[in-house]
């Protein structure tokens, strides 16, 4: 009986720990650079294609 209680406690604690894990996705620019800096690197005329808010218009998601 003692081993059963210990096993039940172990299973419940493990399920609690694994159940409380939360994954998050970083918001904003996936490259970690401002749109203006990316514009300079890639040599384009506008930073609009690199702005996170403009990606939805081009199907970037």
C-alpha atoms as a PDB file:
ATOM      1  CA  UNK A   1       0.000   0.000   0.000  1.00  0.00           C
ATOM      2  CA  UNK A   2       2.873   2.324   0.795  1.00  0.00           C
ATOM      3  CA  UNK A   3       4.440   1.783  -2.643  1.00  0.00           C
ATOM      4  CA  UNK A   4       1.110   2.456  -4.334  1.00  0.00           C
ATOM      5  CA  UNK A   5       0.757   5.819  -2.565  1.00  0.00           C
ATOM      6  CA  UNK A   6       4.313   6.745  -3.493  1.00  0.00           C
ATOM      7  CA  UNK A   7       3.752   5.760  -7.141  1.00  0.00           C
ATOM      8  CA  UNK A   8       0.497   7.748  -7.264  1.00  0.00           C
ATOM      9  CA  UNK A   9       2.219  10.770  -5.772  1.00  0.00           C
ATOM     10  CA  UNK A  10       5.082  10.470  -8.242  1.00  0.00           C
ATOM     11  CA  UNK A  11       2.715  10.221 -11.214  1.00  0.00           C
ATOM     12  CA  UNK A  12       0.641  13.191 -10.059  1.00  0.00           C
ATOM     13  CA  UNK A  13       3.678  15.413  -9.453  1.00  0.00           C
ATOM     14  CA  UNK A  14       5.159  14.454 -12.828  1.00  0.00           C
ATOM     15  CA  UNK A  15       1.905  15.159 -14.639  1.00  0.00           C
ATOM     16  CA  UNK A  16       1.604  18.497 -12.842  1.00  0.00           C
ATOM     17  CA  UNK A  17       5.119  19.523 -13.862  1.00  0.00           C
ATOM     18  CA  UNK A  18       4.707  18.423 -17.474  1.00  0.00           C
ATOM     19  CA  UNK A  19       1.229  19.919 -17.706  1.00  0.00           C
ATOM     20  CA  UNK A  20       2.374  23.342 -16.575  1.00  0.00           C
ATOM     21  CA  UNK A  21       4.885  23.807 -19.396  1.00  0.00           C
ATOM     22  CA  UNK A  22       4.012  26.671 -21.715  1.00  0.00           C
ATOM     23  CA  UNK A  23       5.631  27.336 -25.060  1.00  0.00           C
ATOM     24  CA  UNK A  24       5.787  30.855 -26.394  1.00  0.00           C
ATOM     25  CA  UNK A  25       6.667  32.287 -29.741  1.00  0.00           C
ATOM     26  CA  UNK A  26       8.784  35.412 -29.921  1.00  0.00           C
ATOM     27  CA  UNK A  27       6.841  38.376 -31.162  1.00  0.00           C
ATOM     28  CA  UNK A  28       8.103  40.935 -33.596  1.00  0.00           C
ATOM     29  CA  UNK A  29      10.844  40.461 -36.106  1.00  0.00           C
ATOM     30  CA  UNK A  30      12.056  36.842 -36.373  1.00  0.00           C
ATOM     31  CA  UNK A  31      15.586  37.966 -37.245  1.00  0.00           C
ATOM     32  CA  UNK A  32      15.937  40.159 -34.150  1.00  0.00           C
ATOM     33  CA  UNK A  33      16.903  43.242 -36.153  1.00  0.00           C
ATOM     34  CA  UNK A  34      14.958  46.431 -36.786  1.00  0.00           C
ATOM     35  CA  UNK A  35      13.502  46.731 -40.303  1.00  0.00           C
ATOM     36  CA  UNK A  36      15.794  49.666 -41.108  1.00  0.00           C
ATOM     37  CA  UNK A  37      18.909  47.637 -40.352  1.00  0.00           C
ATOM     38  CA  UNK A  38      17.695  44.755 -42.512  1.00  0.00           C
ATOM     39  CA  UNK A  39      17.034  47.221 -45.317  1.00  0.00           C
ATOM     40  CA  UNK A  40      20.659  48.349 -45.143  1.00  0.00           C
ATOM     41  CA  UNK A  41      21.991  44.788 -45.148  1.00  0.00           C
ATOM     42  CA  UNK A  42      19.886  43.605 -48.085  1.00  0.00           C
ATOM     43  CA  UNK A  43      20.265  46.870 -50.006  1.00  0.00           C
ATOM     44  CA  UNK A  44      16.593  47.518 -50.694  1.00  0.00           C
ATOM     45  CA  UNK A  45      14.993  50.941 -51.027  1.00  0.00           C
ATOM     46  CA  UNK A  46      12.238  50.396 -48.464  1.00  0.00           C
ATOM     47  CA  UNK A  47      12.052  48.806 -45.024  1.00  0.00           C
ATOM     48  CA  UNK A  48       8.379  47.978 -45.532  1.00  0.00           C
ATOM     49  CA  UNK A  49       8.948  44.320 -46.605  1.00  0.00           C
ATOM     50  CA  UNK A  50      10.903  43.684 -43.380  1.00  0.00           C
ATOM     51  CA  UNK A  51       8.388  45.251 -40.968  1.00  0.00           C
ATOM     52  CA  UNK A  52       6.449  42.619 -38.975  1.00  0.00           C
ATOM     53  CA  UNK A  53       3.137  44.433 -39.411  1.00  0.00           C
ATOM     54  CA  UNK A  54       3.496  44.386 -43.190  1.00  0.00           C
ATOM     55  CA  UNK A  55       4.095  40.635 -43.456  1.00  0.00           C
ATOM     56  CA  UNK A  56       0.382  39.806 -43.233  1.00  0.00           C
ATOM     57  CA  UNK A  57      -0.277  41.789 -46.397  1.00  0.00           C
ATOM     58  CA  UNK A  58       2.229  39.722 -48.336  1.00  0.00           C
ATOM     59  CA  UNK A  59       1.280  36.329 -46.896  1.00  0.00           C
ATOM     60  CA  UNK A  60       4.420  36.154 -44.748  1.00  0.00           C
ATOM     61  CA  UNK A  61       2.828  34.073 -42.001  1.00  0.00           C
END
